[in-house]
PDB file of N, CA and C in Angstrom:
ATOM      1  N   MET A   1      -8.921  19.187  -1.899  1.00  0.00           N
ATOM      2  CA  MET A   1      -7.120  18.505  -1.346  1.00  0.00           C
ATOM      3  C   MET A   1      -6.579  19.137  -2.632  1.00  0.00           C
ATOM      4  N   GLY A   2      -5.148  20.097  -0.914  1.00  0.00           N
ATOM      5  CA  GLY A   2      -4.086  19.694  -2.248  1.00  0.00           C
ATOM      6  C   GLY A   2      -3.238  18.982  -2.854  1.00  0.00           C
ATOM      7  N   ALA A   3      -2.076  19.181  -3.444  1.00  0.00           N
ATOM      8  CA  ALA A   3      -1.074  18.201  -3.999  1.00  0.00           C
ATOM      9  C   ALA A   3      -0.728  17.634  -2.465  1.00  0.00           C
ATOM     10  N   PRO A   4      -0.572  16.363  -2.696  1.00  0.00           N
ATOM     11  CA  PRO A   4       0.054  15.311  -1.997  1.00  0.00           C
ATOM     12  C   PRO A   4       1.252  16.040  -0.927  1.00  0.00           C
ATOM     13  N   THR A   5       1.211  15.883   0.269  1.00  0.00           N
ATOM     14  CA  THR A   5       2.831  16.078   1.293  1.00  0.00           C
ATOM     15  C   THR A   5       3.618  14.557   1.890  1.00  0.00           C
ATOM     16  N   VAL A   6       2.505  13.651   1.467  1.00  0.00           N
ATOM     17  CA  VAL A   6       3.710  12.128   1.972  1.00  0.00           C
ATOM     18  C   VAL A   6       2.142  10.917   1.158  1.00  0.00           C
ATOM     19  N   VAL A   7       3.629  10.623   1.224  1.00  0.00           N
ATOM     20  CA  VAL A   7       3.542   9.094   0.297  1.00  0.00           C
ATOM     21  C   VAL A   7       4.164   8.253   1.201  1.00  0.00           C
ATOM     22  N   TYR A   8       2.820   7.428   1.485  1.00  0.00           N
ATOM     23  CA  TYR A   8       3.340   5.967   2.022  1.00  0.00           C
ATOM     24  C   TYR A   8       3.255   4.762   1.387  1.00  0.00           C
ATOM     25  N   ASN A   9       4.178   3.904   1.325  1.00  0.00           N
ATOM     26  CA  ASN A   9       4.496   3.169   0.277  1.00  0.00           C
ATOM     27  C   ASN A   9       5.242   2.008   0.966  1.00  0.00           C
ATOM     28  N   VAL A  10       3.960   1.035   0.406  1.00  0.00           N
ATOM     29  CA  VAL A  10       2.977  -0.066   1.097  1.00  0.00           C
ATOM     30  C   VAL A  10       4.288  -1.357  -0.203  1.00  0.00           C
ATOM     31  N   THR A  11       5.637  -2.148   0.273  1.00  0.00           N
ATOM     32  CA  THR A  11       6.503  -2.514  -0.344  1.00  0.00           C
ATOM     33  C   THR A  11       5.840  -4.299  -0.325  1.00  0.00           C
ATOM     34  N   ILE A  12       5.374  -4.940  -0.691  1.00  0.00           N
ATOM     35  CA  ILE A  12       4.753  -6.775  -0.620  1.00  0.00           C
ATOM     36  C   ILE A  12       5.227  -7.520  -1.422  1.00  0.00           C
ATOM     37  N   GLY A  13       6.280  -8.162  -0.759  1.00  0.00           N
ATOM     38  CA  GLY A  13       6.688 -10.027  -1.560  1.00  0.00           C
ATOM     39  C   GLY A  13       5.664 -10.569  -1.174  1.00  0.00           C
ATOM     40  N   VAL A  14       5.099 -11.052  -2.204  1.00  0.00           N
ATOM     41  CA  VAL A  14       3.943 -12.793  -2.257  1.00  0.00           C
ATOM     42  C   VAL A  14       4.315 -13.767  -3.165  1.00  0.00           C
ATOM     43  N   THR A  15       4.040 -14.994  -2.233  1.00  0.00           N
ATOM     44  CA  THR A  15       4.181 -15.738  -3.240  1.00  0.00           C
ATOM     45  C   THR A  15       3.573 -15.819  -4.500  1.00  0.00           C
ATOM     46  N   GLU A  16       4.051 -16.599  -5.678  1.00  0.00           N
ATOM     47  CA  GLU A  16       4.091 -17.363  -6.373  1.00  0.00           C
ATOM     48  C   GLU A  16       2.467 -17.575  -6.815  1.00  0.00           C
ATOM     49  N   GLN A  17       2.041 -18.606  -5.692  1.00  0.00           N
ATOM     50  CA  GLN A  17       1.467 -19.311  -4.937  1.00  0.00           C
ATOM     51  C   GLN A  17       0.381 -18.550  -5.388  1.00  0.00           C
ATOM     52  N   ARG A  18       0.179 -17.668  -4.403  1.00  0.00           N
ATOM     53  CA  ARG A  18      -0.767 -16.260  -3.963  1.00  0.00           C
ATOM     54  C   ARG A  18      -1.016 -15.651  -4.939  1.00  0.00           C
ATOM     55  N   ALA A  19       0.115 -15.113  -6.146  1.00  0.00           N
ATOM     56  CA  ALA A  19      -0.072 -13.598  -6.406  1.00  0.00           C
ATOM     57  C   ALA A  19      -1.671 -13.380  -6.666  1.00  0.00           C
ATOM     58  N   GLU A  20      -1.984 -14.054  -7.673  1.00  0.00           N
ATOM     59  CA  GLU A  20      -3.103 -13.678  -8.722  1.00  0.00           C
ATOM     60  C   GLU A  20      -4.253 -13.576  -8.083  1.00  0.00           C
ATOM     61  N   GLU A  21      -4.200 -14.314  -6.377  1.00  0.00           N
ATOM     62  CA  GLU A  21      -5.852 -13.580  -5.659  1.00  0.00           C
ATOM     63  C   GLU A  21      -5.588 -12.692  -4.318  1.00  0.00           C
ATOM     64  N   TRP A  22      -4.475 -12.562  -4.097  1.00  0.00           N
ATOM     65  CA  TRP A  22      -3.509 -11.167  -3.519  1.00  0.00           C
ATOM     66  C   TRP A  22      -3.806 -10.295  -4.348  1.00  0.00           C
ATOM     67  N   LEU A  23      -3.619 -10.293  -5.836  1.00  0.00           N
ATOM     68  CA  LEU A  23      -3.629  -9.075  -6.780  1.00  0.00           C
ATOM     69  C   LEU A  23      -4.975  -8.309  -6.610  1.00  0.00           C
ATOM     70  N   SER A  24      -6.024  -9.284  -6.777  1.00  0.00           N
ATOM     71  CA  SER A  24      -7.432  -9.803  -6.708  1.00  0.00           C
ATOM     72  C   SER A  24      -8.277  -9.179  -5.738  1.00  0.00           C
ATOM     73  N   TRP A  25      -7.511  -9.155  -4.770  1.00  0.00           N
ATOM     74  CA  TRP A  25      -7.917  -8.972  -2.932  1.00  0.00           C
ATOM     75  C   TRP A  25      -7.747  -7.075  -3.398  1.00  0.00           C
ATOM     76  N   MET A  26      -6.607  -7.218  -3.307  1.00  0.00           N
ATOM     77  CA  MET A  26      -5.846  -5.511  -3.377  1.00  0.00           C
ATOM     78  C   MET A  26      -6.908  -4.800  -4.233  1.00  0.00           C
ATOM     79  N   ARG A  27      -6.829  -5.378  -5.434  1.00  0.00           N
ATOM     80  CA  ARG A  27      -7.852  -4.186  -5.795  1.00  0.00           C
ATOM     81  C   ARG A  27      -9.457  -3.889  -5.882  1.00  0.00           C
ATOM     82  N   ARG A  28      -9.974  -5.092  -5.317  1.00  0.00           N
ATOM     83  CA  ARG A  28     -11.602  -5.134  -5.044  1.00  0.00           C
ATOM     84  C   ARG A  28     -11.583  -4.803  -3.571  1.00  0.00           C
ATOM     85  N   GLU A  29     -10.803  -5.529  -3.077  1.00  0.00           N
ATOM     86  CA  GLU A  29     -11.336  -4.952  -1.457  1.00  0.00           C
ATOM     87  C   GLU A  29     -10.079  -3.750  -0.989  1.00  0.00           C
ATOM     88  N   HIS A  30      -8.675  -4.293  -1.222  1.00  0.00           N
ATOM     89  CA  HIS A  30      -7.894  -3.573   0.314  1.00  0.00           C
ATOM     90  C   HIS A  30      -7.527  -2.394  -0.265  1.00  0.00           C
ATOM     91  N   ILE A  31      -7.480  -2.331  -1.189  1.00  0.00           N
ATOM     92  CA  ILE A  31      -6.928  -0.261  -1.716  1.00  0.00           C
ATOM     93  C   ILE A  31      -8.542   0.512  -2.095  1.00  0.00           C
ATOM     94  N   PRO A  32      -9.343  -0.409  -1.674  1.00  0.00           N
ATOM     95  CA  PRO A  32     -10.491   0.640  -2.242  1.00  0.00           C
ATOM     96  C   PRO A  32     -11.486   1.425   0.023  1.00  0.00           C
ATOM     97  N   GLU A  33     -10.883   0.146   0.543  1.00  0.00           N
ATOM     98  CA  GLU A  33     -11.104   0.176   1.616  1.00  0.00           C
ATOM     99  C   GLU A  33     -10.425   1.301   2.202  1.00  0.00           C
ATOM    100  N   VAL A  34      -9.113   1.441   1.789  1.00  0.00           N
ATOM    101  CA  VAL A  34      -8.373   2.465   2.585  1.00  0.00           C
ATOM    102  C   VAL A  34      -8.319   4.072   1.630  1.00  0.00           C
ATOM    103  N   LEU A  35      -8.833   4.104   0.405  1.00  0.00           N
ATOM    104  CA  LEU A  35      -9.364   4.975   0.151  1.00  0.00           C
ATOM    105  C   LEU A  35     -10.461   5.526   0.902  1.00  0.00           C
ATOM    106  N   LYS A  36     -11.420   4.652   0.668  1.00  0.00           N
ATOM    107  CA  LYS A  36     -12.460   5.034   1.610  1.00  0.00           C
ATOM    108  C   LYS A  36     -12.777   5.482   2.952  1.00  0.00           C
ATOM    109  N   THR A  37     -12.134   5.442   3.403  1.00  0.00           N
ATOM    110  CA  THR A  37     -10.979   6.432   4.812  1.00  0.00           C
ATOM    111  C   THR A  37     -10.970   7.878   4.703  1.00  0.00           C
ATOM    112  N   GLY A  38     -10.922   8.346   3.466  1.00  0.00           N
ATOM    113  CA  GLY A  38     -11.282   9.516   3.190  1.00  0.00           C
ATOM    114  C   GLY A  38      -9.774  10.306   3.390  1.00  0.00           C
ATOM    115  N   LEU A  39      -8.416   9.169   3.641  1.00  0.00           N
ATOM    116  CA  LEU A  39      -7.286  10.093   4.263  1.00  0.00           C
ATOM    117  C   LEU A  39      -6.109  10.247   3.379  1.00  0.00           C
ATOM    118  N   PHE A  40      -6.484   9.813   2.225  1.00  0.00           N
ATOM    119  CA  PHE A  40      -5.770   9.750   1.229  1.00  0.00           C
ATOM    120  C   PHE A  40      -6.783  10.073  -0.647  1.00  0.00           C
ATOM    121  N   GLN A  41      -5.671  10.681  -1.076  1.00  0.00           N
ATOM    122  CA  GLN A  41      -6.244  10.762  -1.572  1.00  0.00           C
ATOM    123  C   GLN A  41      -5.895  10.181  -3.460  1.00  0.00           C
ATOM    124  N   LYS A  42      -5.025   8.802  -3.502  1.00  0.00           N
ATOM    125  CA  LYS A  42      -4.873   8.512  -4.889  1.00  0.00           C
ATOM    126  C   LYS A  42      -4.119   7.280  -3.703  1.00  0.00           C
ATOM    127  N   ALA A  43      -4.399   6.208  -5.052  1.00  0.00           N
ATOM    128  CA  ALA A  43      -3.173   4.970  -4.752  1.00  0.00           C
ATOM    129  C   ALA A  43      -3.266   4.934  -5.575  1.00  0.00           C
ATOM    130  N   ILE A  44      -1.752   4.060  -6.233  1.00  0.00           N
ATOM    131  CA  ILE A  44      -0.858   3.967  -7.262  1.00  0.00           C
ATOM    132  C   ILE A  44      -0.440   2.346  -6.819  1.00  0.00           C
ATOM    133  N   LEU A  45      -0.717   1.165  -7.683  1.00  0.00           N
ATOM    134  CA  LEU A  45      -0.411   0.010  -7.722  1.00  0.00           C
ATOM    135  C   LEU A  45       0.662  -0.380  -8.317  1.00  0.00           C
ATOM    136  N   VAL A  46       2.103  -0.887  -8.344  1.00  0.00           N
ATOM    137  CA  VAL A  46       2.911  -0.828  -8.593  1.00  0.00           C
ATOM    138  C   VAL A  46       3.361  -2.344  -8.929  1.00  0.00           C
ATOM    139  N   ARG A  47       3.887  -3.061 -10.168  1.00  0.00           N
ATOM    140  CA  ARG A  47       5.231  -4.251 -10.076  1.00  0.00           C
ATOM    141  C   ARG A  47       6.427  -3.893  -9.486  1.00  0.00           C
ATOM    142  N   VAL A  48       7.145  -4.211  -8.733  1.00  0.00           N
ATOM    143  CA  VAL A  48       8.436  -3.986  -9.001  1.00  0.00           C
ATOM    144  C   VAL A  48       9.623  -5.576  -9.739  1.00  0.00           C
ATOM    145  N   ARG A  49       9.983  -5.361 -10.325  1.00  0.00           N
ATOM    146  CA  ARG A  49      10.828  -5.475 -11.413  1.00  0.00           C
ATOM    147  C   ARG A  49      12.442  -5.477 -11.355  1.00  0.00           C
ATOM    148  N   GLY A  50      12.806  -6.186 -11.540  1.00  0.00           N
ATOM    149  CA  GLY A  50      14.562  -6.401 -11.350  1.00  0.00           C
ATOM    150  C   GLY A  50      15.106  -6.809  -9.937  1.00  0.00           C
ATOM    151  N   HIS A  51      14.349  -6.939  -9.598  1.00  0.00           N
ATOM    152  CA  HIS A  51      14.946  -7.813  -8.406  1.00  0.00           C
ATOM    153  C   HIS A  51      13.971  -9.070  -7.226  1.00  0.00           C
ATOM    154  N   GLU A  52      13.773  -9.710  -8.600  1.00  0.00           N
ATOM    155  CA  GLU A  52      12.295 -10.709  -8.399  1.00  0.00           C
ATOM    156  C   GLU A  52      12.925 -12.378  -7.857  1.00  0.00           C
ATOM    157  N   GLN A  53      12.433 -12.405  -6.615  1.00  0.00           N
ATOM    158  CA  GLN A  53      13.668 -13.954  -5.903  1.00  0.00           C
ATOM    159  C   GLN A  53      11.931 -14.695  -6.308  1.00  0.00           C
ATOM    160  N   GLN A  54      13.134 -15.970  -6.690  1.00  0.00           N
ATOM    161  CA  GLN A  54      12.539 -17.288  -6.706  1.00  0.00           C
ATOM    162  C   GLN A  54      11.407 -17.616  -6.450  1.00  0.00           C
ATOM    163  N   GLY A  55      10.169 -17.429  -6.829  1.00  0.00           N
ATOM    164  CA  GLY A  55       9.214 -18.176  -6.032  1.00  0.00           C
ATOM    165  C   GLY A  55       7.988 -17.112  -6.085  1.00  0.00           C
ATOM    166  N   SER A  56       8.768 -15.493  -5.941  1.00  0.00           N
ATOM    167  CA  SER A  56       7.626 -14.777  -5.143  1.00  0.00           C
ATOM    168  C   SER A  56       7.513 -13.293  -6.208  1.00  0.00           C
ATOM    169  N   ALA A  57       6.725 -12.797  -5.844  1.00  0.00           N
ATOM    170  CA  ALA A  57       6.365 -11.754  -6.438  1.00  0.00           C
ATOM    171  C   ALA A  57       5.761 -10.212  -6.071  1.00  0.00           C
ATOM    172  N   THR A  58       6.952  -9.693  -6.482  1.00  0.00           N
ATOM    173  CA  THR A  58       6.925  -7.977  -5.237  1.00  0.00           C
ATOM    174  C   THR A  58       6.155  -7.329  -6.381  1.00  0.00           C
ATOM    175  N   PHE A  59       5.172  -6.582  -4.802  1.00  0.00           N
ATOM    176  CA  PHE A  59       4.157  -5.246  -5.376  1.00  0.00           C
ATOM    177  C   PHE A  59       4.482  -3.891  -4.951  1.00  0.00           C
ATOM    178  N   ALA A  60       4.271  -3.051  -4.865  1.00  0.00           N
ATOM    179  CA  ALA A  60       3.913  -2.201  -4.433  1.00  0.00           C
ATOM    180  C   ALA A  60       2.964  -0.925  -4.378  1.00  0.00           C
ATOM    181  N   VAL A  61       2.447  -0.514  -3.060  1.00  0.00           N
ATOM    182  CA  VAL A  61       1.039   0.144  -3.179  1.00  0.00           C
ATOM    183  C   VAL A  61       1.611   2.068  -2.758  1.00  0.00           C
ATOM    184  N   GLN A  62       1.315   2.839  -3.552  1.00  0.00           N
ATOM    185  CA  GLN A  62       1.890   4.313  -2.809  1.00  0.00           C
ATOM    186  C   GLN A  62       0.190   4.771  -3.008  1.00  0.00           C
ATOM    187  N   TYR A  63      -0.019   5.006  -1.590  1.00  0.00           N
ATOM    188  CA  TYR A  63      -0.963   5.631  -0.831  1.00  0.00           C
ATOM    189  C   TYR A  63      -0.229   7.666  -1.304  1.00  0.00           C
ATOM    190  N   HIS A  64      -0.953   8.113  -1.139  1.00  0.00           N
ATOM    191  CA  HIS A  64      -0.574   9.736  -1.259  1.00  0.00           C
ATOM    192  C   HIS A  64      -1.793  10.483  -0.726  1.00  0.00           C
ATOM    193  N   CYS A  65      -1.167  10.673   0.587  1.00  0.00           N
ATOM    194  CA  CYS A  65      -2.034  11.738   0.639  1.00  0.00           C
ATOM    195  C   CYS A  65      -1.417  13.009   1.542  1.00  0.00           C
ATOM    196  N   GLU A  66      -2.832  14.014   1.731  1.00  0.00           N
ATOM    197  CA  GLU A  66      -2.197  15.483   2.261  1.00  0.00           C
ATOM    198  C   GLU A  66      -1.377  16.422   3.006  1.00  0.00           C
ATOM    199  N   SER A  67      -1.067  14.973   3.827  1.00  0.00           N
ATOM    200  CA  SER A  67      -0.723  15.604   5.302  1.00  0.00           C
ATOM    201  C   SER A  67      -0.105  14.683   5.879  1.00  0.00           C
ATOM    202  N   MET A  68       0.730  15.363   7.262  1.00  0.00           N
ATOM    203  CA  MET A  68       1.399  14.066   7.903  1.00  0.00           C
ATOM    204  C   MET A  68       0.484  13.390   8.878  1.00  0.00           C
ATOM    205  N   GLN A  69      -0.665  14.255   9.077  1.00  0.00           N
ATOM    206  CA  GLN A  69      -1.776  14.072  10.937  1.00  0.00           C
ATOM    207  C   GLN A  69      -2.464  13.363   9.513  1.00  0.00           C
ATOM    208  N   HIS A  70      -3.265  13.145   8.365  1.00  0.00           N
ATOM    209  CA  HIS A  70      -3.963  12.161   7.812  1.00  0.00           C
ATOM    210  C   HIS A  70      -3.574  11.162   7.756  1.00  0.00           C
ATOM    211  N   PHE A  71      -2.526  10.771   7.765  1.00  0.00           N
ATOM    212  CA  PHE A  71      -1.276   9.626   8.067  1.00  0.00           C
ATOM    213  C   PHE A  71      -1.320   9.349   9.125  1.00  0.00           C
ATOM    214  N   GLU A  72      -1.682   9.797   9.842  1.00  0.00           N
ATOM    215  CA  GLU A  72      -0.962   9.509  11.539  1.00  0.00           C
ATOM    216  C   GLU A  72      -2.220   9.103  12.302  1.00  0.00           C
ATOM    217  N   ARG A  73      -3.690   9.944  11.202  1.00  0.00           N
ATOM    218  CA  ARG A  73      -5.189   9.475  12.158  1.00  0.00           C
ATOM    219  C   ARG A  73      -5.370   8.107  11.113  1.00  0.00           C
ATOM    220  N   TYR A  74      -4.692   7.740   9.647  1.00  0.00           N
ATOM    221  CA  TYR A  74      -4.811   6.261   9.600  1.00  0.00           C
ATOM    222  C   TYR A  74      -3.954   5.043   9.592  1.00  0.00           C
ATOM    223  N   GLU A  75      -2.831   5.449  10.354  1.00  0.00           N
ATOM    224  CA  GLU A  75      -2.463   4.732  11.169  1.00  0.00           C
ATOM    225  C   GLU A  75      -3.010   4.107  12.535  1.00  0.00           C
ATOM    226  N   LYS A  76      -3.186   5.378  13.454  1.00  0.00           N
ATOM    227  CA  LYS A  76      -4.187   5.528  14.655  1.00  0.00           C
ATOM    228  C   LYS A  76      -5.620   3.994  14.728  1.00  0.00           C
ATOM    229  N   GLU A  77      -6.112   4.850  13.609  1.00  0.00           N
ATOM    230  CA  GLU A  77      -7.965   4.611  13.481  1.00  0.00           C
ATOM    231  C   GLU A  77      -8.530   3.425  12.701  1.00  0.00           C
ATOM    232  N   TYR A  78      -7.476   3.432  11.389  1.00  0.00           N
ATOM    233  CA  TYR A  78      -7.319   2.262   9.867  1.00  0.00           C
ATOM    234  C   TYR A  78      -6.642   0.935  10.499  1.00  0.00           C
ATOM    235  N   ALA A  79      -5.664   1.782  10.286  1.00  0.00           N
ATOM    236  CA  ALA A  79      -4.428   0.390   9.863  1.00  0.00           C
ATOM    237  C   ALA A  79      -4.154  -0.904  10.605  1.00  0.00           C
ATOM    238  N   PRO A  80      -4.756  -0.653  11.977  1.00  0.00           N
ATOM    239  CA  PRO A  80      -4.374  -2.022  12.883  1.00  0.00           C
ATOM    240  C   PRO A  80      -5.739  -3.207  12.475  1.00  0.00           C
ATOM    241  N   ALA A  81      -7.012  -3.192  12.329  1.00  0.00           N
ATOM    242  CA  ALA A  81      -7.839  -3.351  11.622  1.00  0.00           C
ATOM    243  C   ALA A  81      -7.696  -4.387  10.090  1.00  0.00           C
ATOM    244  N   LEU A  82      -6.996  -3.612   9.311  1.00  0.00           N
ATOM    245  CA  LEU A  82      -6.625  -3.790   8.094  1.00  0.00           C
ATOM    246  C   LEU A  82      -5.712  -4.401   7.287  1.00  0.00           C
ATOM    247  N   ARG A  83      -4.407  -4.689   8.649  1.00  0.00           N
ATOM    248  CA  ARG A  83      -3.251  -5.206   8.650  1.00  0.00           C
ATOM    249  C   ARG A  83      -4.217  -6.628   8.972  1.00  0.00           C
ATOM    250  N   ALA A  84      -4.616  -6.649  10.344  1.00  0.00           N
ATOM    251  CA  ALA A  84      -5.227  -8.389  10.560  1.00  0.00           C
ATOM    252  C   ALA A  84      -5.814  -8.344   8.947  1.00  0.00           C
ATOM    253  N   LYS A  85      -7.146  -7.494   9.251  1.00  0.00           N
ATOM    254  CA  LYS A  85      -7.654  -8.440   7.969  1.00  0.00           C
ATOM    255  C   LYS A  85      -6.767  -9.567   7.190  1.00  0.00           C
ATOM    256  N   SER A  86      -5.174  -8.602   6.540  1.00  0.00           N
ATOM    257  CA  SER A  86      -4.922  -9.125   5.046  1.00  0.00           C
ATOM    258  C   SER A  86      -3.876  -9.999   6.689  1.00  0.00           C
ATOM    259  N   ALA A  87      -3.419  -9.700   7.322  1.00  0.00           N
ATOM    260  CA  ALA A  87      -2.675 -11.335   8.313  1.00  0.00           C
ATOM    261  C   ALA A  87      -3.608 -11.927   7.732  1.00  0.00           C
ATOM    262  N   ALA A  88      -4.786 -12.104   8.355  1.00  0.00           N
ATOM    263  CA  ALA A  88      -5.852 -13.650   8.554  1.00  0.00           C
ATOM    264  C   ALA A  88      -6.079 -13.838   7.087  1.00  0.00           C
ATOM    265  N   LEU A  89      -6.456 -13.455   6.505  1.00  0.00           N
ATOM    266  CA  LEU A  89      -6.587 -13.474   4.667  1.00  0.00           C
ATOM    267  C   LEU A  89      -5.401 -14.523   3.885  1.00  0.00           C
ATOM    268  N   PHE A  90      -4.174 -13.762   4.257  1.00  0.00           N
ATOM    269  CA  PHE A  90      -2.960 -14.185   3.357  1.00  0.00           C
ATOM    270  C   PHE A  90      -1.760 -15.195   3.952  1.00  0.00           C
ATOM    271  N   GLY A  91      -1.604 -14.387   6.012  1.00  0.00           N
ATOM    272  CA  GLY A  91      -0.468 -14.899   6.410  1.00  0.00           C
ATOM    273  C   GLY A  91       0.916 -15.224   6.248  1.00  0.00           C
ATOM    274  N   GLU A  92       1.484 -16.072   5.836  1.00  0.00           N
ATOM    275  CA  GLU A  92       2.755 -15.999   5.794  1.00  0.00           C
ATOM    276  C   GLU A  92       2.705 -15.988   4.563  1.00  0.00           C
ATOM    277  N   SER A  93       1.657 -15.664   3.316  1.00  0.00           N
ATOM    278  CA  SER A  93       2.393 -15.462   2.147  1.00  0.00           C
ATOM    279  C   SER A  93       2.360 -14.467   1.675  1.00  0.00           C
ATOM    280  N   ALA A  94       2.752 -13.219   2.251  1.00  0.00           N
ATOM    281  CA  ALA A  94       2.215 -11.912   2.237  1.00  0.00           C
ATOM    282  C   ALA A  94       3.403 -11.438   3.212  1.00  0.00           C
ATOM    283  N   HIS A  95       4.704 -11.444   2.804  1.00  0.00           N
ATOM    284  CA  HIS A  95       4.972  -9.941   3.879  1.00  0.00           C
ATOM    285  C   HIS A  95       5.326  -8.585   3.334  1.00  0.00           C
ATOM    286  N   ALA A  96       5.146  -7.122   4.143  1.00  0.00           N
ATOM    287  CA  ALA A  96       4.934  -5.653   4.134  1.00  0.00           C
ATOM    288  C   ALA A  96       6.063  -5.336   4.413  1.00  0.00           C
ATOM    289  N   PHE A  97       6.956  -4.166   3.708  1.00  0.00           N
ATOM    290  CA  PHE A  97       7.565  -4.004   4.128  1.00  0.00           C
ATOM    291  C   PHE A  97       6.931  -1.821   4.199  1.00  0.00           C
ATOM    292  N   ARG A  98       7.001  -1.360   4.554  1.00  0.00           N
ATOM    293  CA  ARG A  98       6.597   0.141   4.616  1.00  0.00           C
ATOM    294  C   ARG A  98       7.756   1.814   4.755  1.00  0.00           C
ATOM    295  N   THR A  99       7.281   2.086   4.445  1.00  0.00           N
ATOM    296  CA  THR A  99       7.851   3.472   4.398  1.00  0.00           C
ATOM    297  C   THR A  99       7.033   4.861   3.945  1.00  0.00           C
ATOM    298  N   LEU A 100       7.334   5.420   5.177  1.00  0.00           N
ATOM    299  CA  LEU A 100       6.610   6.527   4.577  1.00  0.00           C
ATOM    300  C   LEU A 100       7.344   7.774   3.957  1.00  0.00           C
ATOM    301  N   LEU A 101       7.276   8.716   2.799  1.00  0.00           N
ATOM    302  CA  LEU A 101       7.793  10.014   2.491  1.00  0.00           C
ATOM    303  C   LEU A 101       7.284  10.650   1.994  1.00  0.00           C
ATOM    304  N   GLU A 102       8.130  11.526   2.300  1.00  0.00           N
ATOM    305  CA  GLU A 102       7.884  13.137   2.838  1.00  0.00           C
ATOM    306  C   GLU A 102       8.157  13.826   1.184  1.00  0.00           C
ATOM    307  N   VAL A 103       7.432  13.985   0.552  1.00  0.00           N
ATOM    308  CA  VAL A 103       7.388  14.774  -0.774  1.00  0.00           C
ATOM    309  C   VAL A 103       8.155  16.268  -0.670  1.00  0.00           C
ATOM    310  N   VAL A 104       9.476  16.527  -1.214  1.00  0.00           N
ATOM    311  CA  VAL A 104       9.755  17.795  -1.678  1.00  0.00           C
ATOM    312  C   VAL A 104       9.607  19.028  -2.852  1.00  0.00           C
ATOM    313  N   GLU A 105       9.176  17.649  -3.679  1.00  0.00           N
ATOM    314  CA  GLU A 105       9.268  18.940  -4.965  1.00  0.00           C
ATOM    315  C   GLU A 105       8.567  17.976  -5.957  1.00  0.00           C
ATOM    316  N   THR A 106       8.049  18.168  -6.923  1.00  0.00           N
ATOM    317  CA  THR A 106       6.980  17.788  -7.381  1.00  0.00           C
ATOM    318  C   THR A 106       7.317  17.975  -9.044  1.00  0.00           C
ATOM    319  N   PHE A 107       8.059  17.179 -10.311  1.00  0.00           N
ATOM    320  CA  PHE A 107       8.445  18.412 -11.570  1.00  0.00           C
ATOM    321  C   PHE A 107       7.564  17.409 -12.722  1.00  0.00           C
ATOM    322  N   THR A 108       6.861  17.595 -14.114  1.00  0.00           N
ATOM    323  CA  THR A 108       6.803  16.969 -14.801  1.00  0.00           C
ATOM    324  C   THR A 108       6.855  17.273 -16.244  1.00  0.00           C
ATOM    325  N   ALA A 109       7.155  16.780 -16.716  1.00  0.00           N
ATOM    326  CA  ALA A 109       7.220  17.255 -18.158  1.00  0.00           C
ATOM    327  C   ALA A 109       6.939  18.057 -18.492  1.00  0.00           C
TER     328      ALA A 109
END
């Protein structure tokens, strides 16, 4: 695979009561399932700092893929079932905001 041209960013607000359970599920199940589709090169899981709201924690997952076609295939073939699974497990305890980013240029030190 070549350099990623698309970053699919999913920002998730999770209640503090369920944050550790959610993180464990993301690490053990959800992120590996997304990567098993073969459509993403890697995923980066981060905690968002500086904008915390009382009673919740915010995380983001950045899924890197090679092309818009790979992302579109993911959205069509895999995303609905994976989102339904998340909703069934966490319901109102986790809210996601999704952003699609196109890589313009990559710089390294």
